[in-house]
Amino acid sequence: MEKTNALTCLSALAHDLRLDVFRLLIQAGPDGLAAGDIAKQAGIRANTLSNNLNILAAAGLVRSTREGRSIRYFAQMNAMRDLMSYLLQDCCGGQAELCRPLLDQIACEC
C-alpha cells in the first residue's frame, strides 16, 4: 500500500458513522449486511448511509453486490490487512516479518 492509499483509508474511517458501519460489516463477517440492515443497526437514514458507504467503497474498505432490490455490503479485509501492514511496516526495529503473524490473526480471510 502506498501512502496516498493509506491516507484515503484512514480518512474514510476518521468519521464516527463510517467507523461504526465498517465495524458492523466486520462483525457480520463473510455474510455481509444488506444496506437496510446496516441503516437499522446504525440508526441512520438510508441516504446518509449511502453517502458514507460510497466513501468507504471509494477507499477500498467495502465492496457491494446487488441482490434483487437490495445491496449487500462486505468489509474488505484485505484492504484492512494492507493498511495495517503499511502502518506496521517498520515495527519491531525494522523486522516487519515479526508482525506478520499478528496481522494474519487480526485481518482474517472473512
N, C-alpha and C. Protein backbone atom coordinates (compact mmCIF):
# COMPACT_ATOMS: atom_id res chain seq x y z
N MET A 1 0.85 -1.17 0.00
CA MET A 1 0.00 0.00 0.00
C MET A 1 0.89 1.23 0.00
N GLU A 2 0.47 2.22 -0.75
CA GLU A 2 1.20 3.47 -0.81
C GLU A 2 0.62 4.46 0.19
N LYS A 3 1.39 5.47 0.48
CA LYS A 3 0.98 6.46 1.47
C LYS A 3 -0.37 7.10 1.13
N THR A 4 -0.59 7.43 -0.14
CA THR A 4 -1.86 8.06 -0.52
C THR A 4 -3.04 7.12 -0.29
N ASN A 5 -2.85 5.83 -0.55
CA ASN A 5 -3.92 4.87 -0.28
C ASN A 5 -4.20 4.76 1.21
N ALA A 6 -3.14 4.76 2.00
CA ALA A 6 -3.30 4.69 3.45
C ALA A 6 -4.05 5.92 3.96
N LEU A 7 -3.71 7.07 3.44
CA LEU A 7 -4.39 8.30 3.85
C LEU A 7 -5.87 8.27 3.45
N THR A 8 -6.17 7.73 2.29
CA THR A 8 -7.56 7.61 1.86
C THR A 8 -8.35 6.70 2.79
N CYS A 9 -7.76 5.57 3.15
CA CYS A 9 -8.42 4.63 4.07
C CYS A 9 -8.61 5.27 5.44
N LEU A 10 -7.57 5.88 5.96
CA LEU A 10 -7.65 6.49 7.27
C LEU A 10 -8.67 7.64 7.29
N SER A 11 -8.70 8.40 6.22
CA SER A 11 -9.66 9.49 6.12
C SER A 11 -11.09 8.95 6.10
N ALA A 12 -11.31 7.87 5.36
CA ALA A 12 -12.64 7.27 5.30
C ALA A 12 -13.09 6.76 6.67
N LEU A 13 -12.17 6.24 7.44
CA LEU A 13 -12.50 5.70 8.75
C LEU A 13 -12.54 6.77 9.84
N ALA A 14 -12.06 7.97 9.53
CA ALA A 14 -11.98 9.04 10.53
C ALA A 14 -13.30 9.80 10.65
N HIS A 15 -14.38 9.08 10.68
CA HIS A 15 -15.72 9.65 10.84
C HIS A 15 -16.50 8.65 11.68
N ASP A 16 -17.17 9.14 12.71
CA ASP A 16 -17.79 8.21 13.66
C ASP A 16 -18.79 7.26 13.00
N LEU A 17 -19.60 7.74 12.09
CA LEU A 17 -20.59 6.88 11.44
C LEU A 17 -19.93 5.84 10.55
N ARG A 18 -18.95 6.27 9.74
CA ARG A 18 -18.28 5.32 8.85
C ARG A 18 -17.50 4.27 9.64
N LEU A 19 -16.89 4.68 10.72
CA LEU A 19 -16.19 3.71 11.57
C LEU A 19 -17.18 2.70 12.14
N ASP A 20 -18.32 3.17 12.61
CA ASP A 20 -19.36 2.26 13.13
C ASP A 20 -19.84 1.30 12.06
N VAL A 21 -20.07 1.80 10.85
CA VAL A 21 -20.54 0.96 9.75
C VAL A 21 -19.49 -0.08 9.39
N PHE A 22 -18.25 0.33 9.30
CA PHE A 22 -17.18 -0.61 8.97
C PHE A 22 -17.08 -1.70 10.03
N ARG A 23 -17.21 -1.32 11.29
CA ARG A 23 -17.15 -2.31 12.37
C ARG A 23 -18.35 -3.26 12.31
N LEU A 24 -19.52 -2.75 11.95
CA LEU A 24 -20.69 -3.62 11.77
C LEU A 24 -20.43 -4.65 10.68
N LEU A 25 -19.82 -4.20 9.59
CA LEU A 25 -19.53 -5.12 8.49
C LEU A 25 -18.47 -6.15 8.87
N ILE A 26 -17.51 -5.75 9.68
CA ILE A 26 -16.52 -6.71 10.16
C ILE A 26 -17.21 -7.76 11.03
N GLN A 27 -18.11 -7.31 11.90
CA GLN A 27 -18.85 -8.24 12.76
C GLN A 27 -19.72 -9.18 11.95
N ALA A 28 -20.26 -8.70 10.85
CA ALA A 28 -21.13 -9.53 10.00
C ALA A 28 -20.35 -10.64 9.31
N GLY A 29 -19.07 -10.44 9.14
CA GLY A 29 -18.23 -11.47 8.53
C GLY A 29 -18.52 -11.67 7.06
N PRO A 30 -18.34 -12.90 6.58
CA PRO A 30 -18.46 -13.16 5.14
C PRO A 30 -19.89 -13.03 4.60
N ASP A 31 -20.89 -13.01 5.48
CA ASP A 31 -22.27 -12.85 5.02
C ASP A 31 -22.59 -11.40 4.69
N GLY A 32 -21.81 -10.46 5.21
CA GLY A 32 -22.08 -9.05 4.98
C GLY A 32 -23.44 -8.65 5.54
N LEU A 33 -23.87 -7.45 5.18
CA LEU A 33 -25.16 -6.93 5.62
C LEU A 33 -25.83 -6.18 4.48
N ALA A 34 -27.15 -6.33 4.40
CA ALA A 34 -27.92 -5.54 3.45
C ALA A 34 -27.93 -4.09 3.92
N ALA A 35 -28.01 -3.17 2.98
CA ALA A 35 -27.99 -1.75 3.31
C ALA A 35 -29.07 -1.39 4.33
N GLY A 36 -30.26 -1.94 4.17
CA GLY A 36 -31.34 -1.66 5.11
C GLY A 36 -31.02 -2.12 6.52
N ASP A 37 -30.37 -3.27 6.63
CA ASP A 37 -29.99 -3.78 7.95
C ASP A 37 -28.91 -2.91 8.59
N ILE A 38 -27.99 -2.42 7.77
CA ILE A 38 -26.96 -1.52 8.30
C ILE A 38 -27.62 -0.25 8.83
N ALA A 39 -28.55 0.31 8.05
CA ALA A 39 -29.23 1.54 8.47
C ALA A 39 -29.97 1.33 9.77
N LYS A 40 -30.67 0.20 9.91
CA LYS A 40 -31.40 -0.08 11.15
C LYS A 40 -30.47 -0.22 12.34
N GLN A 41 -29.41 -1.01 12.16
CA GLN A 41 -28.48 -1.25 13.27
C GLN A 41 -27.73 0.02 13.66
N ALA A 42 -27.42 0.85 12.68
CA ALA A 42 -26.68 2.09 12.97
C ALA A 42 -27.61 3.23 13.35
N GLY A 43 -28.92 3.06 13.11
CA GLY A 43 -29.89 4.08 13.45
C GLY A 43 -29.77 5.34 12.59
N ILE A 44 -29.57 5.14 11.28
CA ILE A 44 -29.41 6.28 10.38
C ILE A 44 -30.33 6.15 9.17
N ARG A 45 -30.53 7.28 8.49
CA ARG A 45 -31.35 7.29 7.28
C ARG A 45 -30.59 6.65 6.12
N ALA A 46 -31.34 6.10 5.17
CA ALA A 46 -30.74 5.41 4.03
C ALA A 46 -29.85 6.32 3.19
N ASN A 47 -30.28 7.57 2.95
CA ASN A 47 -29.46 8.45 2.11
C ASN A 47 -28.15 8.83 2.79
N THR A 48 -28.18 9.00 4.09
CA THR A 48 -26.94 9.27 4.83
C THR A 48 -26.02 8.07 4.77
N LEU A 49 -26.59 6.89 4.93
CA LEU A 49 -25.80 5.66 4.86
C LEU A 49 -25.18 5.50 3.48
N SER A 50 -25.95 5.73 2.46
CA SER A 50 -25.48 5.55 1.09
C SER A 50 -24.23 6.39 0.82
N ASN A 51 -24.26 7.64 1.20
CA ASN A 51 -23.12 8.52 1.01
C ASN A 51 -21.89 8.00 1.74
N ASN A 52 -22.07 7.56 2.96
CA ASN A 52 -20.94 7.07 3.75
C ASN A 52 -20.41 5.74 3.24
N LEU A 53 -21.29 4.88 2.76
CA LEU A 53 -20.84 3.62 2.15
C LEU A 53 -20.06 3.88 0.87
N ASN A 54 -20.47 4.89 0.12
CA ASN A 54 -19.73 5.25 -1.10
C ASN A 54 -18.31 5.71 -0.77
N ILE A 55 -18.15 6.43 0.31
CA ILE A 55 -16.82 6.88 0.74
C ILE A 55 -15.97 5.69 1.15
N LEU A 56 -16.55 4.76 1.91
CA LEU A 56 -15.81 3.56 2.31
C LEU A 56 -15.46 2.71 1.09
N ALA A 57 -16.38 2.62 0.14
CA ALA A 57 -16.12 1.83 -1.07
C ALA A 57 -15.02 2.48 -1.91
N ALA A 58 -15.04 3.80 -2.03
CA ALA A 58 -14.01 4.51 -2.80
C ALA A 58 -12.62 4.30 -2.18
N ALA A 59 -12.58 4.12 -0.88
CA ALA A 59 -11.31 3.85 -0.19
C ALA A 59 -10.91 2.39 -0.30
N GLY A 60 -11.80 1.56 -0.84
CA GLY A 60 -11.50 0.13 -0.98
C GLY A 60 -11.76 -0.67 0.27
N LEU A 61 -12.45 -0.09 1.24
CA LEU A 61 -12.69 -0.77 2.51
C LEU A 61 -13.95 -1.62 2.53
N VAL A 62 -14.86 -1.37 1.60
CA VAL A 62 -16.07 -2.20 1.48
C VAL A 62 -16.32 -2.51 0.01
N ARG A 63 -17.02 -3.59 -0.21
CA ARG A 63 -17.50 -3.93 -1.56
C ARG A 63 -18.97 -4.25 -1.44
N SER A 64 -19.64 -4.24 -2.56
CA SER A 64 -21.08 -4.48 -2.54
C SER A 64 -21.49 -5.41 -3.67
N THR A 65 -22.65 -6.02 -3.48
CA THR A 65 -23.24 -6.84 -4.53
C THR A 65 -24.75 -6.64 -4.47
N ARG A 66 -25.35 -6.58 -5.64
CA ARG A 66 -26.80 -6.38 -5.71
C ARG A 66 -27.50 -7.72 -5.55
N GLU A 67 -28.54 -7.71 -4.72
CA GLU A 67 -29.37 -8.89 -4.50
C GLU A 67 -30.83 -8.46 -4.72
N GLY A 68 -31.30 -8.57 -5.94
CA GLY A 68 -32.64 -8.10 -6.25
C GLY A 68 -32.72 -6.60 -6.10
N ARG A 69 -33.60 -6.14 -5.21
CA ARG A 69 -33.75 -4.71 -4.97
C ARG A 69 -32.84 -4.20 -3.86
N SER A 70 -32.10 -5.08 -3.25
CA SER A 70 -31.24 -4.72 -2.12
C SER A 70 -29.77 -4.79 -2.53
N ILE A 71 -28.95 -4.08 -1.79
CA ILE A 71 -27.50 -4.15 -1.97
C ILE A 71 -26.89 -4.64 -0.67
N ARG A 72 -26.05 -5.66 -0.78
CA ARG A 72 -25.36 -6.23 0.38
C ARG A 72 -23.93 -5.73 0.37
N TYR A 73 -23.46 -5.33 1.54
CA TYR A 73 -22.11 -4.78 1.70
C TYR A 73 -21.24 -5.71 2.54
N PHE A 74 -19.97 -5.72 2.22
CA PHE A 74 -19.00 -6.58 2.89
C PHE A 74 -17.74 -5.77 3.21
N ALA A 75 -17.15 -6.04 4.36
CA ALA A 75 -15.86 -5.43 4.70
C ALA A 75 -14.78 -6.08 3.83
N GLN A 76 -13.89 -5.27 3.32
CA GLN A 76 -12.77 -5.77 2.54
C GLN A 76 -11.59 -5.98 3.48
N MET A 77 -11.48 -7.19 3.98
CA MET A 77 -10.46 -7.47 4.98
C MET A 77 -9.04 -7.38 4.40
N ASN A 78 -8.88 -7.64 3.12
CA ASN A 78 -7.55 -7.50 2.52
C ASN A 78 -7.10 -6.04 2.55
N ALA A 79 -8.03 -5.12 2.35
CA ALA A 79 -7.68 -3.70 2.42
C ALA A 79 -7.26 -3.33 3.84
N MET A 80 -7.95 -3.87 4.82
CA MET A 80 -7.58 -3.60 6.22
C MET A 80 -6.21 -4.21 6.53
N ARG A 81 -5.97 -5.41 6.03
CA ARG A 81 -4.67 -6.04 6.23
C ARG A 81 -3.56 -5.18 5.59
N ASP A 82 -3.81 -4.68 4.38
CA ASP A 82 -2.82 -3.83 3.72
C ASP A 82 -2.57 -2.56 4.50
N LEU A 83 -3.64 -1.96 5.03
CA LEU A 83 -3.48 -0.75 5.83
C LEU A 83 -2.67 -1.04 7.09
N MET A 84 -3.01 -2.11 7.77
CA MET A 84 -2.27 -2.47 8.99
C MET A 84 -0.81 -2.78 8.66
N SER A 85 -0.57 -3.46 7.55
CA SER A 85 0.80 -3.75 7.13
C SER A 85 1.57 -2.46 6.88
N TYR A 86 0.92 -1.51 6.21
CA TYR A 86 1.56 -0.23 5.95
C TYR A 86 1.91 0.48 7.26
N LEU A 87 0.97 0.49 8.19
CA LEU A 87 1.20 1.17 9.45
C LEU A 87 2.29 0.51 10.28
N LEU A 88 2.43 -0.81 10.13
CA LEU A 88 3.39 -1.55 10.95
C LEU A 88 4.65 -1.97 10.18
N GLN A 89 4.84 -1.44 8.98
CA GLN A 89 5.94 -1.94 8.15
C GLN A 89 7.32 -1.72 8.76
N ASP A 90 7.47 -0.76 9.61
CA ASP A 90 8.77 -0.52 10.23
C ASP A 90 8.79 -0.90 11.71
N CYS A 91 7.83 -1.72 12.11
CA CYS A 91 7.76 -2.10 13.53
C CYS A 91 8.89 -3.07 13.89
N CYS A 92 9.00 -3.30 15.15
CA CYS A 92 9.96 -4.29 15.66
C CYS A 92 11.39 -4.02 15.19
N GLY A 93 11.77 -2.77 15.23
CA GLY A 93 13.13 -2.43 14.84
C GLY A 93 13.44 -2.70 13.38
N GLY A 94 12.45 -2.56 12.52
CA GLY A 94 12.65 -2.80 11.09
C GLY A 94 12.50 -4.24 10.68
N GLN A 95 12.05 -5.11 11.59
CA GLN A 95 11.83 -6.52 11.27
C GLN A 95 10.33 -6.77 11.16
N ALA A 96 9.74 -6.25 10.08
CA ALA A 96 8.29 -6.32 9.90
C ALA A 96 7.77 -7.75 9.86
N GLU A 97 8.61 -8.69 9.47
CA GLU A 97 8.17 -10.10 9.41
C GLU A 97 7.75 -10.62 10.79
N LEU A 98 8.23 -9.99 11.86
CA LEU A 98 7.82 -10.40 13.20
C LEU A 98 6.36 -10.05 13.47
N CYS A 99 5.84 -9.04 12.78
CA CYS A 99 4.44 -8.63 12.96
C CYS A 99 3.49 -9.40 12.05
N ARG A 100 3.99 -10.09 11.04
CA ARG A 100 3.14 -10.78 10.07
C ARG A 100 2.15 -11.73 10.74
N PRO A 101 2.55 -12.56 11.71
CA PRO A 101 1.56 -13.44 12.35
C PRO A 101 0.44 -12.67 13.03
N LEU A 102 0.76 -11.53 13.62
CA LEU A 102 -0.26 -10.70 14.24
C LEU A 102 -1.24 -10.19 13.20
N LEU A 103 -0.73 -9.70 12.08
CA LEU A 103 -1.59 -9.20 11.01
C LEU A 103 -2.49 -10.31 10.45
N ASP A 104 -1.93 -11.50 10.31
CA ASP A 104 -2.72 -12.62 9.81
C ASP A 104 -3.86 -12.97 10.75
N GLN A 105 -3.66 -12.81 12.04
CA GLN A 105 -4.71 -13.13 13.01
C GLN A 105 -5.79 -12.08 13.05
N ILE A 106 -5.42 -10.80 13.01
CA ILE A 106 -6.43 -9.76 13.17
C ILE A 106 -7.15 -9.41 11.89
N ALA A 107 -6.60 -9.74 10.75
CA ALA A 107 -7.25 -9.46 9.48
C ALA A 107 -7.50 -10.78 8.76
N CYS A 108 -8.46 -11.53 9.27
CA CYS A 108 -8.75 -12.86 8.76
C CYS A 108 -9.29 -12.79 7.33
N GLU A 109 -9.33 -13.91 6.68
CA GLU A 109 -9.85 -14.03 5.32
C GLU A 109 -11.36 -14.25 5.36
N CYS A 110 -12.07 -13.32 5.95
CA CYS A 110 -13.52 -13.44 6.06
C CYS A 110 -14.20 -13.13 4.76
